[in-house]
Amino acid sequence: MESELSLEFVRVVEQAAVAAARTMGRGDRHYADQVAVEAMRKVLETVPISGTVVIGEGERDEAPMLYIGEEVGSRAHSDFPKVDIAVDPLEGTNLCAMGVAGAIAVLAASESGGLLHAPDVYMEKIVVEPAAKGAVDLDAPVKDNLRAIARRLNRDTEDLVVVVLDRPRHAKLIADIRETGARIRLIPDGDLSAGITAAVGGTGVHVVMGTGGAPEGVITAAALRCVNGEILGRLVPKDEAQAERIRSMGIRDPRKVFRTEELAPGKEIIFAASGVTEGSLLKGVRFFGEGVRVNSLVMTCHTRSLRFIDAIHLSKRPDYKVRLF
C-alpha cells in the first residue's frame, strides 16, 4: 500500500494546500477550511482505494463532507485496498486566515483498523524525537521530563526548546517549564505541525507539551510511527457527555495513557502534508505567473522513508516556462 499510494496522497494534500493558500490573510477561517475540504475530497475521489474517514471534520450531521464514516476513494474495483483515512484539510485555520506561519494540509492513512477512532475531545500530550523515546512519562513532573530529554540529547535543560499552545489552560505548564530554564516557543495554533517538527531532527524544536485535540494526536502518532518518534496522550473530557462518548468508543479507562503504537497501530502507514503558509518544516504555497509551487512531506512506516517534495504545477498557458527560485 505504501509504495502504491504515497504520491497519490501527496496529490491530495497539495490541492488542499493550494486551495487554502488562495484564502490566506482574508480573515475568514471557516471559508479557508471549506475550500480546503472541498479540494481534498475532490482529489480523494480519484485515488484507487476503498477508503473510510475515521478522523475528519466531525460527525455526519456536523460536516457536509469528509465526515467520520464517509466513504472516499474511486472504489471502482472491489480489489482496491480498504484504507482508513484521517484528515485535517487545513490544520491552523486561524493561521491561514491571518497569514501567520505554520498552516498545513494533512492526511494520514493506514490499513483498516490502523488508526484509533479518537473522539473529538481534548488530549493531554507530550511529543519527543526518537532519541528521547522512552525517557518521558505523562505523569512525571515537567522538570523530570525535561531533564530526561536533555540527558538523552546530551545537552543542558536550558538548551531545550519546548513548544506549547498559547492558551490560558497552560499557565501552570508554562510556569513550570520556565522554572527549569528551558526555552519556550508559544504558538497560537497548530500543535499537530509542532509535533511533527519536534520529531524531525534539525528543526530546533525538542519537545511539545500541553493539551490539544485528540484527533490531531492520532494524526501526529501516524507521523511519529514513520520516524520512530514518540507521543504519549491521555483523553481529557470536559463534561459527562464527552466521557460517555469516550466510553461508547470502547475506551473504558478514562485515565489511560495511550502510546504511539496504540494511537496508530497500523503496520502500513502513510503520512502526507503540504505547507500552506511558511513554516519551520514546510514552505508555504507560492504563486507565480506560470503556475504554483508547493512544498510537501510524505512519510511511510513499513518502508521507513521520508521524502520532501518540491513540486511546481505549471499553468496551461502556451507561453509558460520553468525557472529556478
C-alpha atoms as a PDB file:
ATOM      1  CA  MET A   1       0.000   0.000   0.000  1.00  0.00           C
ATOM      2  CA  GLU A   2       2.714   2.473   0.960  1.00  0.00           C
ATOM      3  CA  SER A   3       4.626   2.378  -2.311  1.00  0.00           C
ATOM      4  CA  GLU A   4       1.465   2.463  -4.424  1.00  0.00           C
ATOM      5  CA  LEU A   5      -0.378   5.258  -2.646  1.00  0.00           C
ATOM      6  CA  SER A   6       2.230   7.648  -1.226  1.00  0.00           C
ATOM      7  CA  LEU A   7       2.307  10.007  -4.186  1.00  0.00           C
ATOM      8  CA  GLU A   8      -1.459   9.720  -4.605  1.00  0.00           C
ATOM      9  CA  PHE A   9      -1.901  11.153  -1.118  1.00  0.00           C
ATOM     10  CA  VAL A  10       0.661  13.868  -1.847  1.00  0.00           C
ATOM     11  CA  ARG A  11      -1.625  14.977  -4.687  1.00  0.00           C
ATOM     12  CA  VAL A  12      -4.491  15.155  -2.205  1.00  0.00           C
ATOM     13  CA  VAL A  13      -2.723  17.392   0.324  1.00  0.00           C
ATOM     14  CA  GLU A  14      -1.149  19.536  -2.397  1.00  0.00           C
ATOM     15  CA  GLN A  15      -4.501  20.557  -3.828  1.00  0.00           C
ATOM     16  CA  ALA A  16      -5.971  21.209  -0.381  1.00  0.00           C
ATOM     17  CA  ALA A  17      -2.975  23.413   0.422  1.00  0.00           C
ATOM     18  CA  VAL A  18      -3.248  25.381  -2.820  1.00  0.00           C
ATOM     19  CA  ALA A  19      -6.970  25.986  -2.311  1.00  0.00           C
ATOM     20  CA  ALA A  20      -6.431  27.143   1.275  1.00  0.00           C
ATOM     21  CA  ALA A  21      -3.452  29.320   0.369  1.00  0.00           C
ATOM     22  CA  ARG A  22      -5.608  31.367  -2.004  1.00  0.00           C
ATOM     23  CA  THR A  23      -7.624  32.486   1.036  1.00  0.00           C
ATOM     24  CA  MET A  24      -4.585  33.448   3.120  1.00  0.00           C
ATOM     25  CA  GLY A  25      -4.978  36.660   5.092  1.00  0.00           C
ATOM     26  CA  ARG A  26      -8.657  37.199   4.299  1.00  0.00           C
ATOM     27  CA  GLY A  27      -9.642  36.772   7.935  1.00  0.00           C
ATOM     28  CA  ASP A  28     -12.255  34.075   7.232  1.00  0.00           C
ATOM     29  CA  ARG A  29     -11.146  30.829   8.877  1.00  0.00           C
ATOM     30  CA  HIS A  30     -14.373  28.994   8.021  1.00  0.00           C
ATOM     31  CA  TYR A  31     -14.080  29.774   4.319  1.00  0.00           C
ATOM     32  CA  ALA A  32     -10.419  28.764   4.311  1.00  0.00           C
ATOM     33  CA  ASP A  33     -11.323  25.415   5.862  1.00  0.00           C
ATOM     34  CA  GLN A  34     -14.256  24.932   3.499  1.00  0.00           C
ATOM     35  CA  VAL A  35     -12.236  25.320   0.305  1.00  0.00           C
ATOM     36  CA  ALA A  36      -9.505  23.036   1.667  1.00  0.00           C
ATOM     37  CA  VAL A  37     -12.089  20.348   2.480  1.00  0.00           C
ATOM     38  CA  GLU A  38     -13.703  20.620  -0.944  1.00  0.00           C
ATOM     39  CA  ALA A  39     -10.372  20.387  -2.747  1.00  0.00           C
ATOM     40  CA  MET A  40      -9.197  17.437  -0.653  1.00  0.00           C
ATOM     41  CA  ARG A  41     -12.398  15.495  -1.166  1.00  0.00           C
ATOM     42  CA  LYS A  42     -12.379  16.099  -4.931  1.00  0.00           C
ATOM     43  CA  VAL A  43      -8.901  14.628  -5.324  1.00  0.00           C
ATOM     44  CA  LEU A  44      -9.591  11.780  -2.873  1.00  0.00           C
ATOM     45  CA  GLU A  45     -12.357  10.614  -5.203  1.00  0.00           C
ATOM     46  CA  THR A  46      -9.710   9.838  -7.838  1.00  0.00           C
ATOM     47  CA  VAL A  47      -7.449   7.754  -5.573  1.00  0.00           C
ATOM     48  CA  PRO A  48      -7.672   3.979  -6.204  1.00  0.00           C
ATOM     49  CA  ILE A  49      -8.796   2.951  -2.729  1.00  0.00           C
ATOM     50  CA  SER A  50     -11.885   1.902  -0.855  1.00  0.00           C
ATOM     51  CA  GLY A  51     -11.417   4.394   1.945  1.00  0.00           C
ATOM     52  CA  THR A  52     -13.279   5.313   5.131  1.00  0.00           C
ATOM     53  CA  VAL A  53     -12.761   8.557   7.016  1.00  0.00           C
ATOM     54  CA  VAL A  54     -12.081   7.700  10.673  1.00  0.00           C
ATOM     55  CA  ILE A  55     -10.934  11.187  11.686  1.00  0.00           C
ATOM     56  CA  GLY A  56     -12.392  14.101   9.800  1.00  0.00           C
ATOM     57  CA  GLU A  57     -14.346  17.317  10.019  1.00  0.00           C
ATOM     58  CA  GLY A  58     -16.819  15.920  12.554  1.00  0.00           C
ATOM     59  CA  GLU A  59     -19.877  13.717  12.602  1.00  0.00           C
ATOM     60  CA  ARG A  60     -22.129  13.434   9.563  1.00  0.00           C
ATOM     61  CA  ASP A  61     -24.668  15.937  10.908  1.00  0.00           C
ATOM     62  CA  GLU A  62     -21.884  18.436  11.657  1.00  0.00           C
ATOM     63  CA  ALA A  63     -19.906  18.308   8.398  1.00  0.00           C
ATOM     64  CA  PRO A  64     -21.206  18.165   4.807  1.00  0.00           C
ATOM     65  CA  MET A  65     -18.136  16.270   3.620  1.00  0.00           C
ATOM     66  CA  LEU A  66     -15.111  14.379   4.940  1.00  0.00           C
ATOM     67  CA  TYR A  67     -17.180  13.486   7.971  1.00  0.00           C
ATOM     68  CA  ILE A  68     -16.382  10.498  10.174  1.00  0.00           C
ATOM     69  CA  GLY A  69     -17.628   7.363   8.448  1.00  0.00           C
ATOM     70  CA  GLU A  70     -17.709   8.879   4.953  1.00  0.00           C
ATOM     71  CA  GLU A  71     -16.544   6.588   2.173  1.00  0.00           C
ATOM     72  CA  VAL A  72     -13.874   8.058  -0.077  1.00  0.00           C
ATOM     73  CA  GLY A  73     -11.748   6.915  -2.998  1.00  0.00           C
ATOM     74  CA  SER A  74     -12.679   5.894  -6.514  1.00  0.00           C
ATOM     75  CA  ARG A  75     -13.961   2.476  -5.313  1.00  0.00           C
ATOM     76  CA  ALA A  76     -14.184   1.421  -8.964  1.00  0.00           C
ATOM     77  CA  HIS A  77     -12.950  -2.116  -8.295  1.00  0.00           C
ATOM     78  CA  SER A  78     -13.674  -4.478  -5.436  1.00  0.00           C
ATOM     79  CA  ASP A  79      -9.967  -5.335  -5.113  1.00  0.00           C
ATOM     80  CA  PHE A  80      -8.954  -1.768  -4.217  1.00  0.00           C
ATOM     81  CA  PRO A  81      -7.333  -1.728  -0.761  1.00  0.00           C
ATOM     82  CA  LYS A  82      -9.509  -0.890   2.239  1.00  0.00           C
ATOM     83  CA  VAL A  83      -7.917   2.119   3.862  1.00  0.00           C
ATOM     84  CA  ASP A  84      -8.676   4.152   6.988  1.00  0.00           C
ATOM     85  CA  ILE A  85      -8.190   7.867   6.411  1.00  0.00           C
ATOM     86  CA  ALA A  86      -7.524  10.639   8.940  1.00  0.00           C
ATOM     87  CA  VAL A  87      -7.627  14.160   7.555  1.00  0.00           C
ATOM     88  CA  ASP A  88      -7.077  17.720   8.638  1.00  0.00           C
ATOM     89  CA  PRO A  89      -7.539  19.610   5.353  1.00  0.00           C
ATOM     90  CA  LEU A  90      -6.341  22.834   6.974  1.00  0.00           C
ATOM     91  CA  GLU A  91      -4.517  22.473  10.257  1.00  0.00           C
ATOM     92  CA  GLY A  92      -4.225  26.011  11.548  1.00  0.00           C
ATOM     93  CA  THR A  93      -7.332  27.663  10.104  1.00  0.00           C
ATOM     94  CA  ASN A  94      -6.671  30.805  12.137  1.00  0.00           C
ATOM     95  CA  LEU A  95      -3.049  30.832  10.966  1.00  0.00           C
ATOM     96  CA  CYS A  96      -4.148  30.783   7.336  1.00  0.00           C
ATOM     97  CA  ALA A  97      -6.877  33.359   7.873  1.00  0.00           C
ATOM     98  CA  MET A  98      -4.402  35.749   9.465  1.00  0.00           C
ATOM     99  CA  GLY A  99      -1.496  34.936   7.135  1.00  0.00           C
ATOM    100  CA  VAL A 100       0.594  33.580  10.011  1.00  0.00           C
ATOM    101  CA  ALA A 101       3.240  30.854   9.621  1.00  0.00           C
ATOM    102  CA  GLY A 102       2.546  27.177  10.306  1.00  0.00           C
ATOM    103  CA  ALA A 103      -0.679  26.244   8.475  1.00  0.00           C
ATOM    104  CA  ILE A 104      -0.553  22.874   6.687  1.00  0.00           C
ATOM    105  CA  ALA A 105      -2.836  20.417   4.880  1.00  0.00           C
ATOM    106  CA  VAL A 106      -2.555  16.914   6.356  1.00  0.00           C
ATOM    107  CA  LEU A 107      -3.630  13.342   5.672  1.00  0.00           C
ATOM    108  CA  ALA A 108      -2.726  10.052   7.349  1.00  0.00           C
ATOM    109  CA  ALA A 109      -3.747   6.634   6.074  1.00  0.00           C
ATOM    110  CA  SER A 110      -3.409   3.037   7.188  1.00  0.00           C
ATOM    111  CA  GLU A 111      -4.848  -0.363   6.518  1.00  0.00           C
ATOM    112  CA  SER A 112      -8.302  -0.861   8.010  1.00  0.00           C
ATOM    113  CA  GLY A 113      -8.109  -0.660  11.823  1.00  0.00           C
ATOM    114  CA  GLY A 114      -4.704   1.001  11.810  1.00  0.00           C
ATOM    115  CA  LEU A 115      -5.745   4.334  13.343  1.00  0.00           C
ATOM    116  CA  LEU A 116      -7.510   4.899  16.657  1.00  0.00           C
ATOM    117  CA  HIS A 117     -11.020   6.294  16.176  1.00  0.00           C
ATOM    118  CA  ALA A 118     -10.392   9.140  18.600  1.00  0.00           C
ATOM    119  CA  PRO A 119     -13.356  11.207  19.791  1.00  0.00           C
ATOM    120  CA  ASP A 120     -13.225  14.962  19.261  1.00  0.00           C
ATOM    121  CA  VAL A 121     -12.144  15.834  22.798  1.00  0.00           C
ATOM    122  CA  TYR A 122      -9.015  17.296  24.342  1.00  0.00           C
ATOM    123  CA  MET A 123      -5.901  15.193  24.792  1.00  0.00           C
ATOM    124  CA  GLU A 124      -3.006  15.827  27.157  1.00  0.00           C
ATOM    125  CA  LYS A 125       0.160  15.187  25.143  1.00  0.00           C
ATOM    126  CA  ILE A 126       3.904  15.069  25.147  1.00  0.00           C
ATOM    127  CA  VAL A 127       5.831  14.580  21.898  1.00  0.00           C
ATOM    128  CA  VAL A 128       9.556  13.853  21.596  1.00  0.00           C
ATOM    129  CA  GLU A 129      12.059  12.913  18.919  1.00  0.00           C
ATOM    130  CA  PRO A 130      13.460   9.366  18.507  1.00  0.00           C
ATOM    131  CA  ALA A 131      16.497   9.991  20.730  1.00  0.00           C
ATOM    132  CA  ALA A 132      14.217  10.733  23.695  1.00  0.00           C
ATOM    133  CA  LYS A 133      11.818   7.859  23.110  1.00  0.00           C
ATOM    134  CA  GLY A 134      11.095   6.041  26.367  1.00  0.00           C
ATOM    135  CA  ALA A 135      12.532   8.834  28.504  1.00  0.00           C
ATOM    136  CA  VAL A 136       9.295  10.670  29.331  1.00  0.00           C
ATOM    137  CA  ASP A 137       6.255   9.948  31.477  1.00  0.00           C
ATOM    138  CA  LEU A 138       2.974  11.850  31.162  1.00  0.00           C
ATOM    139  CA  ASP A 139       2.523  11.736  34.941  1.00  0.00           C
ATOM    140  CA  ALA A 140       6.050  12.881  35.787  1.00  0.00           C
ATOM    141  CA  PRO A 141       6.770  16.471  36.839  1.00  0.00           C
ATOM    142  CA  VAL A 142       7.733  18.787  33.994  1.00  0.00           C
ATOM    143  CA  LYS A 143      11.252  19.261  35.369  1.00  0.00           C
ATOM    144  CA  ASP A 144      11.859  15.493  35.434  1.00  0.00           C
ATOM    145  CA  ASN A 145      10.718  15.052  31.835  1.00  0.00           C
ATOM    146  CA  LEU A 146      12.849  17.924  30.570  1.00  0.00           C
ATOM    147  CA  ARG A 147      15.911  16.685  32.446  1.00  0.00           C
ATOM    148  CA  ALA A 148      15.404  13.199  30.988  1.00  0.00           C
ATOM    149  CA  ILE A 149      15.096  14.612  27.475  1.00  0.00           C
ATOM    150  CA  ALA A 150      18.201  16.763  27.954  1.00  0.00           C
ATOM    151  CA  ARG A 151      20.226  13.737  29.093  1.00  0.00           C
ATOM    152  CA  ARG A 152      19.167  11.755  26.031  1.00  0.00           C
ATOM    153  CA  LEU A 153      20.110  14.636  23.750  1.00  0.00           C
ATOM    154  CA  ASN A 154      23.410  15.205  25.570  1.00  0.00           C
ATOM    155  CA  ARG A 155      22.663  18.842  26.345  1.00  0.00           C
ATOM    156  CA  ASP A 156      21.569  21.049  29.235  1.00  0.00           C
ATOM    157  CA  THR A 157      17.922  21.632  30.060  1.00  0.00           C
ATOM    158  CA  GLU A 158      18.468  25.307  29.268  1.00  0.00           C
ATOM    159  CA  ASP A 159      19.265  24.322  25.675  1.00  0.00           C
ATOM    160  CA  LEU A 160      15.865  22.716  25.064  1.00  0.00           C
ATOM    161  CA  VAL A 161      13.063  24.388  23.098  1.00  0.00           C
ATOM    162  CA  VAL A 162       9.570  23.411  24.230  1.00  0.00           C
ATOM    163  CA  VAL A 163       6.538  24.184  22.056  1.00  0.00           C
ATOM    164  CA  VAL A 164       3.301  24.972  23.897  1.00  0.00           C
ATOM    165  CA  LEU A 165      -0.066  26.171  22.616  1.00  0.00           C
ATOM    166  CA  ASP A 166      -0.680  29.692  23.891  1.00  0.00           C
ATOM    167  CA  ARG A 167      -3.799  29.002  25.941  1.00  0.00           C
ATOM    168  CA  PRO A 168      -4.913  30.055  29.467  1.00  0.00           C
ATOM    169  CA  ARG A 169      -5.131  26.376  30.454  1.00  0.00           C
ATOM    170  CA  HIS A 170      -1.357  26.129  30.033  1.00  0.00           C
ATOM    171  CA  ALA A 171      -0.430  28.858  32.541  1.00  0.00           C
ATOM    172  CA  LYS A 172       0.943  26.410  35.132  1.00  0.00           C
ATOM    173  CA  LEU A 173       2.702  24.315  32.489  1.00  0.00           C
ATOM    174  CA  ILE A 174       4.429  27.389  31.112  1.00  0.00           C
ATOM    175  CA  ALA A 175       5.483  28.485  34.593  1.00  0.00           C
ATOM    176  CA  ASP A 176       6.888  25.008  35.331  1.00  0.00           C
ATOM    177  CA  ILE A 177       8.877  24.996  32.090  1.00  0.00           C
ATOM    178  CA  ARG A 178      10.290  28.451  32.756  1.00  0.00           C
ATOM    179  CA  GLU A 179      11.356  27.354  36.213  1.00  0.00           C
ATOM    180  CA  THR A 180      13.616  24.700  34.638  1.00  0.00           C
ATOM    181  CA  GLY A 181      15.346  27.280  32.456  1.00  0.00           C
ATOM    182  CA  ALA A 182      14.202  25.670  29.211  1.00  0.00           C
ATOM    183  CA  ARG A 183      13.139  27.952  26.387  1.00  0.00           C
ATOM    184  CA  ILE A 184       9.534  28.116  25.223  1.00  0.00           C
ATOM    185  CA  ARG A 185       8.027  28.715  21.799  1.00  0.00           C
ATOM    186  CA  LEU A 186       4.385  29.698  22.251  1.00  0.00           C
ATOM    187  CA  ILE A 187       2.225  29.040  19.200  1.00  0.00           C
ATOM    188  CA  PRO A 188      -1.296  30.365  18.539  1.00  0.00           C
ATOM    189  CA  ASP A 189      -2.460  27.156  16.781  1.00  0.00           C
ATOM    190  CA  GLY A 190      -1.101  24.071  15.087  1.00  0.00           C
ATOM    191  CA  ASP A 191       0.092  21.566  17.679  1.00  0.00           C
ATOM    192  CA  LEU A 192      -0.029  18.819  15.035  1.00  0.00           C
ATOM    193  CA  SER A 193       2.511  20.649  12.907  1.00  0.00           C
ATOM    194  CA  ALA A 194       4.582  21.315  16.025  1.00  0.00           C
ATOM    195  CA  GLY A 195       4.570  17.628  16.955  1.00  0.00           C
ATOM    196  CA  ILE A 196       5.920  16.632  13.553  1.00  0.00           C
ATOM    197  CA  THR A 197       8.563  19.350  13.773  1.00  0.00           C
ATOM    198  CA  ALA A 198       9.696  18.056  17.171  1.00  0.00           C
ATOM    199  CA  ALA A 199      10.143  14.539  15.790  1.00  0.00           C
ATOM    200  CA  VAL A 200      12.353  15.598  12.879  1.00  0.00           C
ATOM    201  CA  GLY A 201      15.936  16.439  13.756  1.00  0.00           C
ATOM    202  CA  GLY A 202      17.449  19.806  12.933  1.00  0.00           C
ATOM    203  CA  THR A 203      14.286  21.871  13.352  1.00  0.00           C
ATOM    204  CA  GLY A 204      15.312  23.447  16.655  1.00  0.00           C
ATOM    205  CA  VAL A 205      12.269  22.020  18.492  1.00  0.00           C
ATOM    206  CA  HIS A 206      12.853  19.255  21.049  1.00  0.00           C
ATOM    207  CA  VAL A 207       9.505  18.588  22.721  1.00  0.00           C
ATOM    208  CA  VAL A 208       5.837  19.546  22.534  1.00  0.00           C
ATOM    209  CA  MET A 209       3.830  19.680  25.752  1.00  0.00           C
ATOM    210  CA  GLY A 210       0.262  20.563  26.643  1.00  0.00           C
ATOM    211  CA  THR A 211      -3.356  19.809  25.860  1.00  0.00           C
ATOM    212  CA  GLY A 212      -4.743  19.890  22.312  1.00  0.00           C
ATOM    213  CA  GLY A 213      -7.164  17.942  20.158  1.00  0.00           C
ATOM    214  CA  ALA A 214      -7.312  14.139  20.342  1.00  0.00           C
ATOM    215  CA  PRO A 215      -7.837  13.701  16.571  1.00  0.00           C
ATOM    216  CA  GLU A 216      -4.678  15.736  15.955  1.00  0.00           C
ATOM    217  CA  GLY A 217      -2.927  13.454  18.446  1.00  0.00           C
ATOM    218  CA  VAL A 218      -3.750  10.400  16.354  1.00  0.00           C
ATOM    219  CA  ILE A 219      -2.541  12.013  13.133  1.00  0.00           C
ATOM    220  CA  THR A 220       0.645  13.083  14.916  1.00  0.00           C
ATOM    221  CA  ALA A 221       1.118   9.493  16.096  1.00  0.00           C
ATOM    222  CA  ALA A 222       0.833   8.271  12.498  1.00  0.00           C
ATOM    223  CA  ALA A 223       3.666  10.601  11.508  1.00  0.00           C
ATOM    224  CA  LEU A 224       5.770   9.586  14.511  1.00  0.00           C
ATOM    225  CA  ARG A 225       5.404   5.890  13.665  1.00  0.00           C
ATOM    226  CA  CYS A 226       7.183   6.679  10.410  1.00  0.00           C
ATOM    227  CA  VAL A 227      10.180   8.382  12.053  1.00  0.00           C
ATOM    228  CA  ASN A 228      10.305   6.399  15.322  1.00  0.00           C
ATOM    229  CA  GLY A 229       9.352   9.376  17.487  1.00  0.00           C
ATOM    230  CA  GLU A 230       7.050   9.150  20.492  1.00  0.00           C
ATOM    231  CA  ILE A 231       3.785  10.681  21.626  1.00  0.00           C
ATOM    232  CA  LEU A 232       2.064   9.966  24.924  1.00  0.00           C
ATOM    233  CA  GLY A 233      -1.558  11.043  25.169  1.00  0.00           C
ATOM    234  CA  ARG A 234      -4.463  10.932  27.612  1.00  0.00           C
ATOM    235  CA  LEU A 235      -8.030  11.931  26.768  1.00  0.00           C
ATOM    236  CA  VAL A 236      -9.436  14.853  28.753  1.00  0.00           C
ATOM    237  CA  PRO A 237     -13.265  15.020  28.558  1.00  0.00           C
ATOM    238  CA  LYS A 238     -14.737  18.387  29.550  1.00  0.00           C
ATOM    239  CA  ASP A 239     -18.113  17.007  30.701  1.00  0.00           C
ATOM    240  CA  GLU A 240     -20.098  13.806  31.224  1.00  0.00           C
ATOM    241  CA  ALA A 241     -21.364  13.838  27.634  1.00  0.00           C
ATOM    242  CA  GLN A 242     -17.819  13.641  26.340  1.00  0.00           C
ATOM    243  CA  ALA A 243     -16.959  10.993  28.921  1.00  0.00           C
ATOM    244  CA  GLU A 244     -19.878   8.908  27.678  1.00  0.00           C
ATOM    245  CA  ARG A 245     -18.739   9.441  24.106  1.00  0.00           C
ATOM    246  CA  ILE A 246     -15.324   8.058  25.062  1.00  0.00           C
ATOM    247  CA  ARG A 247     -16.897   5.014  26.731  1.00  0.00           C
ATOM    248  CA  SER A 248     -19.117   4.396  23.688  1.00  0.00           C
ATOM    249  CA  MET A 249     -15.988   4.099  21.560  1.00  0.00           C
ATOM    250  CA  GLY A 250     -14.737   1.248  23.736  1.00  0.00           C
ATOM    251  CA  ILE A 251     -12.294   3.218  25.891  1.00  0.00           C
ATOM    252  CA  ARG A 252     -13.106   2.094  29.439  1.00  0.00           C
ATOM    253  CA  ASP A 253     -10.244   3.613  31.392  1.00  0.00           C
ATOM    254  CA  PRO A 254     -10.552   7.434  31.282  1.00  0.00           C
ATOM    255  CA  ARG A 255      -7.021   7.814  32.687  1.00  0.00           C
ATOM    256  CA  LYS A 256      -5.394   5.504  30.164  1.00  0.00           C
ATOM    257  CA  VAL A 257      -2.163   6.835  28.691  1.00  0.00           C
ATOM    258  CA  PHE A 258      -2.005   5.983  25.007  1.00  0.00           C
ATOM    259  CA  ARG A 259       1.370   5.353  23.445  1.00  0.00           C
ATOM    260  CA  THR A 260       2.291   5.960  19.823  1.00  0.00           C
ATOM    261  CA  GLU A 261       1.640   2.377  18.796  1.00  0.00           C
ATOM    262  CA  GLU A 262      -1.826   2.442  20.386  1.00  0.00           C
ATOM    263  CA  LEU A 263      -2.875   5.663  18.699  1.00  0.00           C
ATOM    264  CA  ALA A 264      -1.629   4.467  15.311  1.00  0.00           C
ATOM    265  CA  PRO A 265      -1.233   0.672  15.457  1.00  0.00           C
ATOM    266  CA  GLY A 266      -1.206   0.107  11.688  1.00  0.00           C
ATOM    267  CA  LYS A 267       1.541  -1.892  10.004  1.00  0.00           C
ATOM    268  CA  GLU A 268       1.402   0.205   6.839  1.00  0.00           C
ATOM    269  CA  ILE A 269       1.014   3.919   7.474  1.00  0.00           C
ATOM    270  CA  ILE A 270       1.332   6.879   5.139  1.00  0.00           C
ATOM    271  CA  PHE A 271       1.556  10.454   6.354  1.00  0.00           C
ATOM    272  CA  ALA A 272       1.431  13.346   3.893  1.00  0.00           C
ATOM    273  CA  ALA A 273       1.442  17.102   4.484  1.00  0.00           C
ATOM    274  CA  SER A 274       1.801  20.217   2.351  1.00  0.00           C
ATOM    275  CA  GLY A 275       2.678  23.684   3.588  1.00  0.00           C
ATOM    276  CA  VAL A 276       0.007  26.366   3.261  1.00  0.00           C
ATOM    277  CA  THR A 277       1.786  29.268   4.974  1.00  0.00           C
ATOM    278  CA  GLU A 278       5.531  29.455   5.692  1.00  0.00           C
ATOM    279  CA  GLY A 279       6.716  27.143   8.474  1.00  0.00           C
ATOM    280  CA  SER A 280       9.887  25.777  10.047  1.00  0.00           C
ATOM    281  CA  LEU A 281       9.349  22.383   8.392  1.00  0.00           C
ATOM    282  CA  LEU A 282       7.485  23.176   5.164  1.00  0.00           C
ATOM    283  CA  LYS A 283       7.407  26.264   2.993  1.00  0.00           C
ATOM    284  CA  GLY A 284       4.095  27.829   2.126  1.00  0.00           C
ATOM    285  CA  VAL A 285       2.399  27.750  -1.271  1.00  0.00           C
ATOM    286  CA  ARG A 286       3.920  30.220  -3.731  1.00  0.00           C
ATOM    287  CA  PHE A 287       2.007  31.551  -6.716  1.00  0.00           C
ATOM    288  CA  PHE A 288       3.733  32.929  -9.804  1.00  0.00           C
ATOM    289  CA  GLY A 289       2.785  33.815 -13.351  1.00  0.00           C
ATOM    290  CA  GLU A 290       3.362  30.362 -14.805  1.00  0.00           C
ATOM    291  CA  GLY A 291       1.834  28.248 -12.035  1.00  0.00           C
ATOM    292  CA  VAL A 292       2.171  27.330  -8.378  1.00  0.00           C
ATOM    293  CA  ARG A 293       4.889  25.810  -6.216  1.00  0.00           C
ATOM    294  CA  VAL A 294       4.082  23.507  -3.281  1.00  0.00           C
ATOM    295  CA  ASN A 295       6.391  22.067  -0.625  1.00  0.00           C
ATOM    296  CA  SER A 296       5.294  18.685   0.767  1.00  0.00           C
ATOM    297  CA  LEU A 297       6.414  15.877   3.036  1.00  0.00           C
ATOM    298  CA  VAL A 298       5.447  12.224   2.722  1.00  0.00           C
ATOM    299  CA  MET A 299       6.494   9.521   5.177  1.00  0.00           C
ATOM    300  CA  THR A 300       5.881   5.788   5.330  1.00  0.00           C
ATOM    301  CA  CYS A 301       6.117   3.429   8.285  1.00  0.00           C
ATOM    302  CA  HIS A 302       6.851  -0.043   6.880  1.00  0.00           C
ATOM    303  CA  THR A 303       9.413   1.128   4.329  1.00  0.00           C
ATOM    304  CA  ARG A 304      10.816   3.779   6.721  1.00  0.00           C
ATOM    305  CA  SER A 305      11.091   6.514   4.114  1.00  0.00           C
ATOM    306  CA  LEU A 306      10.769  10.286   4.410  1.00  0.00           C
ATOM    307  CA  ARG A 307      10.593  12.430   1.300  1.00  0.00           C
ATOM    308  CA  PHE A 308      10.479  16.196   0.941  1.00  0.00           C
ATOM    309  CA  ILE A 309       8.861  17.084  -2.377  1.00  0.00           C
ATOM    310  CA  ASP A 310       9.143  20.492  -4.007  1.00  0.00           C
ATOM    311  CA  ALA A 311       6.568  20.483  -6.801  1.00  0.00           C
ATOM    312  CA  ILE A 312       5.864  23.062  -9.489  1.00  0.00           C
ATOM    313  CA  HIS A 313       2.467  22.790 -11.154  1.00  0.00           C
ATOM    314  CA  LEU A 314       2.542  24.716 -14.406  1.00  0.00           C
ATOM    315  CA  SER A 315      -0.436  26.569 -15.778  1.00  0.00           C
ATOM    316  CA  LYS A 316      -1.965  25.661 -19.149  1.00  0.00           C
ATOM    317  CA  ARG A 317      -0.814  28.892 -20.738  1.00  0.00           C
ATOM    318  CA  PRO A 318       1.026  28.293 -24.036  1.00  0.00           C
ATOM    319  CA  ASP A 319       3.902  30.570 -23.019  1.00  0.00           C
ATOM    320  CA  TYR A 320       4.774  29.019 -19.655  1.00  0.00           C
ATOM    321  CA  LYS A 321       8.369  28.383 -18.668  1.00  0.00           C
ATOM    322  CA  VAL A 322      10.120  26.598 -15.819  1.00  0.00           C
ATOM    323  CA  ARG A 323      12.522  28.656 -13.716  1.00  0.00           C
ATOM    324  CA  LEU A 324      14.632  28.109 -10.643  1.00  0.00           C
ATOM    325  CA  PHE A 325      13.997  30.111  -7.477  1.00  0.00           C
END
